Amino acid sequence: MNVPEGLRYSSDHEWVAVDGNTARVGITDYAQDALGDVVYVDVPASGTTVAANESFGEVESTKSVSELYAPVSGEIVQVNEEVADAPEKLNADAYGEGWLIVIEMSDPSEIDALLDAAGYTALIEG
């Protein structure tokens, strides 16, 4: 499994790329692999407030429907509309074009509760 260094990870299999006070969020390579072919993505509109560990949307694949959980709290300031139109991008490029949302964090210290690459690797291999 691809687990890039420099990102943070939730135990719910979301990744976070931190840039100042914003967090770009997507699902991990492990998650997209477990889901199989993604056919639908539902995420809220920009301006929506989310809380850490609460559901903010869902991903539907040929195998199942899975909830998406916010790894941090804040306001969604950007949504990847391209993934809604082409959900297969989650499978093809989970850490690149397959990102889902950008959150302006209300409490950046929540990042400290997330796993680093080594911790996430241990989680998925455990």
N, C-alpha and C. Protein backbone atom coordinates (compact mmCIF):
# COMPACT_ATOMS: atom_id res chain seq x y z
N MET A 1 0.83 -1.19 0.00
CA MET A 1 0.00 0.00 0.00
C MET A 1 0.87 1.25 0.00
N ASN A 2 0.41 2.25 -0.68
CA ASN A 2 1.09 3.53 -0.75
C ASN A 2 0.66 4.39 0.45
N VAL A 3 1.63 4.73 1.32
CA VAL A 3 1.38 5.58 2.49
C VAL A 3 2.43 6.69 2.48
N PRO A 4 2.15 7.79 1.78
CA PRO A 4 3.15 8.86 1.65
C PRO A 4 3.54 9.49 2.99
N GLU A 5 4.83 9.78 3.13
CA GLU A 5 5.33 10.55 4.28
C GLU A 5 4.82 11.98 4.14
N GLY A 6 4.76 12.68 5.24
CA GLY A 6 4.39 14.09 5.20
C GLY A 6 2.91 14.35 5.29
N LEU A 7 2.09 13.30 5.23
CA LEU A 7 0.65 13.43 5.42
C LEU A 7 0.29 12.93 6.81
N ARG A 8 -0.89 13.26 7.27
CA ARG A 8 -1.42 12.69 8.52
C ARG A 8 -2.60 11.81 8.14
N TYR A 9 -2.93 10.85 8.98
CA TYR A 9 -3.94 9.85 8.66
C TYR A 9 -4.89 9.62 9.82
N SER A 10 -6.16 9.41 9.49
CA SER A 10 -7.14 9.05 10.53
C SER A 10 -7.30 7.54 10.56
N SER A 11 -7.79 7.03 11.66
CA SER A 11 -8.05 5.59 11.76
C SER A 11 -9.25 5.19 10.88
N ASP A 12 -9.97 6.20 10.36
CA ASP A 12 -11.08 5.95 9.44
C ASP A 12 -10.62 5.95 7.98
N HIS A 13 -9.30 6.01 7.77
CA HIS A 13 -8.68 5.89 6.45
C HIS A 13 -8.83 7.14 5.57
N GLU A 14 -8.84 8.31 6.21
CA GLU A 14 -8.72 9.56 5.47
C GLU A 14 -7.30 10.08 5.65
N TRP A 15 -6.79 10.76 4.62
CA TRP A 15 -5.48 11.42 4.73
C TRP A 15 -5.69 12.92 4.80
N VAL A 16 -4.70 13.60 5.38
CA VAL A 16 -4.76 15.05 5.53
C VAL A 16 -3.41 15.64 5.13
N ALA A 17 -3.45 16.61 4.23
CA ALA A 17 -2.27 17.39 3.87
C ALA A 17 -2.47 18.78 4.46
N VAL A 18 -1.63 19.14 5.41
CA VAL A 18 -1.77 20.42 6.11
C VAL A 18 -0.97 21.50 5.40
N ASP A 19 -1.60 22.65 5.19
CA ASP A 19 -0.95 23.81 4.61
C ASP A 19 -1.42 25.02 5.40
N GLY A 20 -0.61 25.42 6.39
CA GLY A 20 -1.01 26.53 7.26
C GLY A 20 -2.22 26.15 8.08
N ASN A 21 -3.33 26.87 7.89
CA ASN A 21 -4.54 26.62 8.65
C ASN A 21 -5.56 25.79 7.86
N THR A 22 -5.14 25.26 6.70
CA THR A 22 -6.06 24.45 5.91
C THR A 22 -5.60 23.00 5.85
N ALA A 23 -6.57 22.13 5.66
CA ALA A 23 -6.32 20.70 5.58
C ALA A 23 -7.02 20.14 4.34
N ARG A 24 -6.24 19.64 3.39
CA ARG A 24 -6.81 18.95 2.21
C ARG A 24 -7.04 17.51 2.63
N VAL A 25 -8.23 16.98 2.33
CA VAL A 25 -8.63 15.66 2.82
C VAL A 25 -9.01 14.76 1.66
N GLY A 26 -8.62 13.50 1.78
CA GLY A 26 -9.02 12.48 0.81
C GLY A 26 -9.06 11.13 1.50
N ILE A 27 -9.34 10.08 0.73
CA ILE A 27 -9.27 8.73 1.30
C ILE A 27 -7.94 8.10 0.91
N THR A 28 -7.48 7.21 1.75
CA THR A 28 -6.17 6.59 1.54
C THR A 28 -6.20 5.55 0.42
N ASP A 29 -5.01 5.19 -0.03
CA ASP A 29 -4.86 4.13 -1.01
C ASP A 29 -5.46 2.82 -0.47
N TYR A 30 -5.24 2.58 0.81
CA TYR A 30 -5.81 1.38 1.45
C TYR A 30 -7.34 1.39 1.35
N ALA A 31 -7.95 2.55 1.62
CA ALA A 31 -9.41 2.66 1.59
C ALA A 31 -9.95 2.45 0.18
N GLN A 32 -9.33 3.10 -0.81
CA GLN A 32 -9.84 2.96 -2.18
C GLN A 32 -9.68 1.53 -2.66
N ASP A 33 -8.60 0.86 -2.23
CA ASP A 33 -8.38 -0.53 -2.62
C ASP A 33 -9.44 -1.44 -1.98
N ALA A 34 -9.75 -1.19 -0.72
CA ALA A 34 -10.75 -1.99 -0.02
C ALA A 34 -12.15 -1.77 -0.60
N LEU A 35 -12.42 -0.55 -1.04
CA LEU A 35 -13.73 -0.24 -1.61
C LEU A 35 -13.93 -0.89 -2.97
N GLY A 36 -12.90 -0.98 -3.76
CA GLY A 36 -13.05 -1.43 -5.15
C GLY A 36 -13.38 -0.23 -6.02
N ASP A 37 -14.01 -0.47 -7.15
CA ASP A 37 -14.29 0.60 -8.11
C ASP A 37 -15.29 1.60 -7.55
N VAL A 38 -14.84 2.84 -7.33
CA VAL A 38 -15.70 3.89 -6.81
C VAL A 38 -16.59 4.41 -7.94
N VAL A 39 -17.91 4.46 -7.67
CA VAL A 39 -18.87 4.88 -8.69
C VAL A 39 -19.61 6.16 -8.33
N TYR A 40 -19.54 6.60 -7.06
CA TYR A 40 -20.27 7.80 -6.64
C TYR A 40 -19.62 8.38 -5.40
N VAL A 41 -19.54 9.72 -5.36
CA VAL A 41 -19.00 10.43 -4.21
C VAL A 41 -19.98 11.52 -3.83
N ASP A 42 -20.31 11.60 -2.54
CA ASP A 42 -21.21 12.64 -2.04
C ASP A 42 -20.50 13.41 -0.94
N VAL A 43 -20.21 14.70 -1.21
CA VAL A 43 -19.59 15.57 -0.21
C VAL A 43 -20.40 16.86 -0.12
N PRO A 44 -20.37 17.52 1.03
CA PRO A 44 -21.15 18.74 1.18
C PRO A 44 -20.55 19.92 0.42
N ALA A 45 -21.33 20.97 0.31
CA ALA A 45 -20.90 22.17 -0.40
C ALA A 45 -19.92 22.99 0.43
N SER A 46 -19.16 23.84 -0.25
CA SER A 46 -18.30 24.80 0.45
C SER A 46 -19.18 25.62 1.40
N GLY A 47 -18.60 25.98 2.54
CA GLY A 47 -19.33 26.74 3.54
C GLY A 47 -19.93 25.88 4.63
N THR A 48 -19.94 24.56 4.43
CA THR A 48 -20.46 23.63 5.43
C THR A 48 -19.46 23.50 6.57
N THR A 49 -19.95 23.50 7.80
CA THR A 49 -19.09 23.30 8.97
C THR A 49 -19.08 21.82 9.32
N VAL A 50 -17.88 21.30 9.60
CA VAL A 50 -17.73 19.89 9.99
C VAL A 50 -17.01 19.81 11.33
N ALA A 51 -17.25 18.72 12.04
CA ALA A 51 -16.58 18.47 13.31
C ALA A 51 -15.74 17.21 13.18
N ALA A 52 -14.61 17.21 13.84
CA ALA A 52 -13.71 16.06 13.80
C ALA A 52 -14.46 14.79 14.18
N ASN A 53 -14.21 13.73 13.42
CA ASN A 53 -14.77 12.40 13.63
C ASN A 53 -16.24 12.27 13.31
N GLU A 54 -16.86 13.31 12.73
CA GLU A 54 -18.25 13.22 12.31
C GLU A 54 -18.32 12.99 10.81
N SER A 55 -19.36 12.30 10.38
CA SER A 55 -19.54 12.00 8.96
C SER A 55 -19.79 13.29 8.18
N PHE A 56 -19.15 13.40 7.00
CA PHE A 56 -19.39 14.56 6.15
C PHE A 56 -19.82 14.15 4.74
N GLY A 57 -19.94 12.87 4.48
CA GLY A 57 -20.34 12.42 3.15
C GLY A 57 -20.18 10.93 3.02
N GLU A 58 -20.24 10.46 1.79
CA GLU A 58 -20.06 9.02 1.57
C GLU A 58 -19.48 8.74 0.21
N VAL A 59 -18.90 7.55 0.12
CA VAL A 59 -18.33 7.04 -1.12
C VAL A 59 -19.03 5.72 -1.41
N GLU A 60 -19.50 5.58 -2.64
CA GLU A 60 -20.17 4.35 -3.04
C GLU A 60 -19.30 3.65 -4.07
N SER A 61 -19.14 2.35 -3.86
CA SER A 61 -18.38 1.55 -4.81
C SER A 61 -19.24 0.39 -5.29
N THR A 62 -18.67 -0.42 -6.15
CA THR A 62 -19.40 -1.58 -6.64
C THR A 62 -19.60 -2.60 -5.52
N LYS A 63 -18.83 -2.46 -4.42
CA LYS A 63 -18.92 -3.39 -3.30
C LYS A 63 -19.80 -2.89 -2.16
N SER A 64 -19.73 -1.57 -1.85
CA SER A 64 -20.41 -1.07 -0.65
C SER A 64 -20.53 0.45 -0.67
N VAL A 65 -21.18 0.97 0.36
CA VAL A 65 -21.23 2.41 0.62
C VAL A 65 -20.51 2.65 1.93
N SER A 66 -19.59 3.61 1.95
CA SER A 66 -18.81 3.92 3.15
C SER A 66 -18.95 5.39 3.50
N GLU A 67 -19.09 5.65 4.79
CA GLU A 67 -19.14 7.02 5.29
C GLU A 67 -17.75 7.64 5.22
N LEU A 68 -17.72 8.95 5.02
CA LEU A 68 -16.49 9.73 5.11
C LEU A 68 -16.53 10.49 6.42
N TYR A 69 -15.41 10.52 7.14
CA TYR A 69 -15.36 11.18 8.44
C TYR A 69 -14.33 12.30 8.41
N ALA A 70 -14.73 13.46 8.93
CA ALA A 70 -13.83 14.61 8.97
C ALA A 70 -12.71 14.33 9.96
N PRO A 71 -11.46 14.44 9.53
CA PRO A 71 -10.35 14.21 10.46
C PRO A 71 -10.10 15.41 11.37
N VAL A 72 -10.59 16.58 10.98
CA VAL A 72 -10.44 17.81 11.77
C VAL A 72 -11.72 18.63 11.68
N SER A 73 -11.88 19.57 12.61
CA SER A 73 -13.05 20.45 12.63
C SER A 73 -12.78 21.73 11.85
N GLY A 74 -13.84 22.30 11.30
CA GLY A 74 -13.71 23.59 10.63
C GLY A 74 -14.75 23.76 9.55
N GLU A 75 -14.46 24.69 8.64
CA GLU A 75 -15.37 24.99 7.54
C GLU A 75 -14.79 24.48 6.23
N ILE A 76 -15.63 23.80 5.46
CA ILE A 76 -15.21 23.36 4.14
C ILE A 76 -15.11 24.59 3.24
N VAL A 77 -13.90 24.86 2.73
CA VAL A 77 -13.69 26.04 1.90
C VAL A 77 -13.49 25.69 0.42
N GLN A 78 -13.33 24.41 0.14
CA GLN A 78 -13.17 23.98 -1.25
C GLN A 78 -13.62 22.54 -1.37
N VAL A 79 -14.29 22.22 -2.48
CA VAL A 79 -14.75 20.87 -2.78
C VAL A 79 -14.20 20.49 -4.16
N ASN A 80 -13.71 19.27 -4.29
CA ASN A 80 -13.21 18.79 -5.57
C ASN A 80 -14.38 18.32 -6.43
N GLU A 81 -14.92 19.26 -7.21
CA GLU A 81 -16.08 18.96 -8.07
C GLU A 81 -15.74 17.90 -9.11
N GLU A 82 -14.48 17.82 -9.52
CA GLU A 82 -14.08 16.85 -10.54
C GLU A 82 -14.28 15.42 -10.08
N VAL A 83 -14.14 15.18 -8.78
CA VAL A 83 -14.34 13.82 -8.26
C VAL A 83 -15.82 13.45 -8.29
N ALA A 84 -16.69 14.42 -8.10
CA ALA A 84 -18.13 14.14 -8.20
C ALA A 84 -18.48 13.71 -9.62
N ASP A 85 -17.85 14.35 -10.61
CA ASP A 85 -18.11 14.02 -12.01
C ASP A 85 -17.36 12.77 -12.48
N ALA A 86 -16.21 12.51 -11.86
CA ALA A 86 -15.37 11.36 -12.26
C ALA A 86 -14.85 10.66 -11.00
N PRO A 87 -15.74 9.93 -10.29
CA PRO A 87 -15.35 9.31 -9.02
C PRO A 87 -14.21 8.30 -9.14
N GLU A 88 -13.95 7.81 -10.35
CA GLU A 88 -12.85 6.86 -10.54
C GLU A 88 -11.49 7.49 -10.21
N LYS A 89 -11.43 8.82 -10.12
CA LYS A 89 -10.18 9.48 -9.74
C LYS A 89 -9.74 9.06 -8.34
N LEU A 90 -10.69 8.67 -7.49
CA LEU A 90 -10.32 8.18 -6.16
C LEU A 90 -9.49 6.91 -6.27
N ASN A 91 -9.83 6.05 -7.21
CA ASN A 91 -9.07 4.83 -7.41
C ASN A 91 -7.75 5.09 -8.12
N ALA A 92 -7.78 5.97 -9.10
CA ALA A 92 -6.60 6.19 -9.94
C ALA A 92 -5.52 7.02 -9.25
N ASP A 93 -5.91 7.98 -8.42
CA ASP A 93 -4.95 8.91 -7.85
C ASP A 93 -5.44 9.42 -6.49
N ALA A 94 -5.50 8.52 -5.51
CA ALA A 94 -6.08 8.83 -4.20
C ALA A 94 -5.41 10.02 -3.52
N TYR A 95 -4.10 10.17 -3.71
CA TYR A 95 -3.37 11.25 -3.02
C TYR A 95 -3.17 12.49 -3.88
N GLY A 96 -3.64 12.46 -5.11
CA GLY A 96 -3.47 13.59 -6.01
C GLY A 96 -4.82 14.14 -6.45
N GLU A 97 -5.21 13.81 -7.69
CA GLU A 97 -6.47 14.32 -8.24
C GLU A 97 -7.70 13.79 -7.51
N GLY A 98 -7.53 12.78 -6.66
CA GLY A 98 -8.66 12.19 -5.94
C GLY A 98 -8.97 12.83 -4.60
N TRP A 99 -8.37 13.99 -4.30
CA TRP A 99 -8.71 14.66 -3.03
C TRP A 99 -10.19 15.01 -3.02
N LEU A 100 -10.75 15.21 -1.82
CA LEU A 100 -12.18 15.44 -1.69
C LEU A 100 -12.55 16.88 -1.30
N ILE A 101 -12.00 17.34 -0.17
CA ILE A 101 -12.37 18.66 0.35
C ILE A 101 -11.15 19.34 0.97
N VAL A 102 -11.27 20.66 1.15
CA VAL A 102 -10.29 21.43 1.92
C VAL A 102 -11.05 22.07 3.07
N ILE A 103 -10.53 21.86 4.29
CA ILE A 103 -11.14 22.40 5.50
C ILE A 103 -10.26 23.50 6.06
N GLU A 104 -10.86 24.65 6.35
CA GLU A 104 -10.17 25.68 7.12
C GLU A 104 -10.37 25.29 8.58
N MET A 105 -9.29 24.88 9.22
CA MET A 105 -9.38 24.30 10.55
C MET A 105 -9.73 25.33 11.62
N SER A 106 -10.67 24.96 12.49
CA SER A 106 -11.01 25.81 13.62
C SER A 106 -10.09 25.53 14.80
N ASP A 107 -9.47 24.34 14.82
CA ASP A 107 -8.55 23.96 15.89
C ASP A 107 -7.40 23.14 15.29
N PRO A 108 -6.36 23.83 14.78
CA PRO A 108 -5.26 23.11 14.14
C PRO A 108 -4.57 22.09 15.03
N SER A 109 -4.72 22.19 16.34
CA SER A 109 -4.08 21.21 17.24
C SER A 109 -4.68 19.81 17.07
N GLU A 110 -5.87 19.70 16.44
CA GLU A 110 -6.47 18.39 16.20
C GLU A 110 -5.59 17.52 15.31
N ILE A 111 -4.73 18.14 14.52
CA ILE A 111 -3.80 17.39 13.67
C ILE A 111 -2.93 16.47 14.51
N ASP A 112 -2.59 16.92 15.72
CA ASP A 112 -1.71 16.13 16.60
C ASP A 112 -2.31 14.78 16.97
N ALA A 113 -3.63 14.65 16.89
CA ALA A 113 -4.29 13.38 17.24
C ALA A 113 -4.27 12.38 16.09
N LEU A 114 -3.86 12.83 14.90
CA LEU A 114 -3.84 11.94 13.74
C LEU A 114 -2.53 11.18 13.66
N LEU A 115 -2.55 10.10 12.90
CA LEU A 115 -1.38 9.23 12.76
C LEU A 115 -0.40 9.79 11.72
N ASP A 116 0.89 9.51 11.92
CA ASP A 116 1.86 9.79 10.86
C ASP A 116 1.92 8.55 9.96
N ALA A 117 2.76 8.59 8.93
CA ALA A 117 2.81 7.48 7.96
C ALA A 117 3.16 6.16 8.64
N ALA A 118 4.12 6.17 9.57
CA ALA A 118 4.50 4.93 10.25
C ALA A 118 3.34 4.38 11.10
N GLY A 119 2.64 5.27 11.79
CA GLY A 119 1.52 4.85 12.62
C GLY A 119 0.39 4.29 11.79
N TYR A 120 0.12 4.92 10.63
CA TYR A 120 -0.94 4.45 9.76
C TYR A 120 -0.57 3.10 9.14
N THR A 121 0.68 2.97 8.74
CA THR A 121 1.14 1.69 8.18
C THR A 121 0.95 0.58 9.21
N ALA A 122 1.31 0.86 10.47
CA ALA A 122 1.12 -0.15 11.53
C ALA A 122 -0.35 -0.50 11.69
N LEU A 123 -1.22 0.50 11.58
CA LEU A 123 -2.67 0.27 11.71
C LEU A 123 -3.18 -0.67 10.63
N ILE A 124 -2.82 -0.41 9.38
CA ILE A 124 -3.39 -1.22 8.30
C ILE A 124 -2.71 -2.59 8.17
N GLU A 125 -1.49 -2.71 8.70
CA GLU A 125 -0.81 -4.01 8.65
C GLU A 125 -1.10 -4.84 9.89
N GLY A 126 -1.65 -4.18 10.94
CA GLY A 126 -1.92 -4.87 12.20
C GLY A 126 -3.17 -5.68 12.09
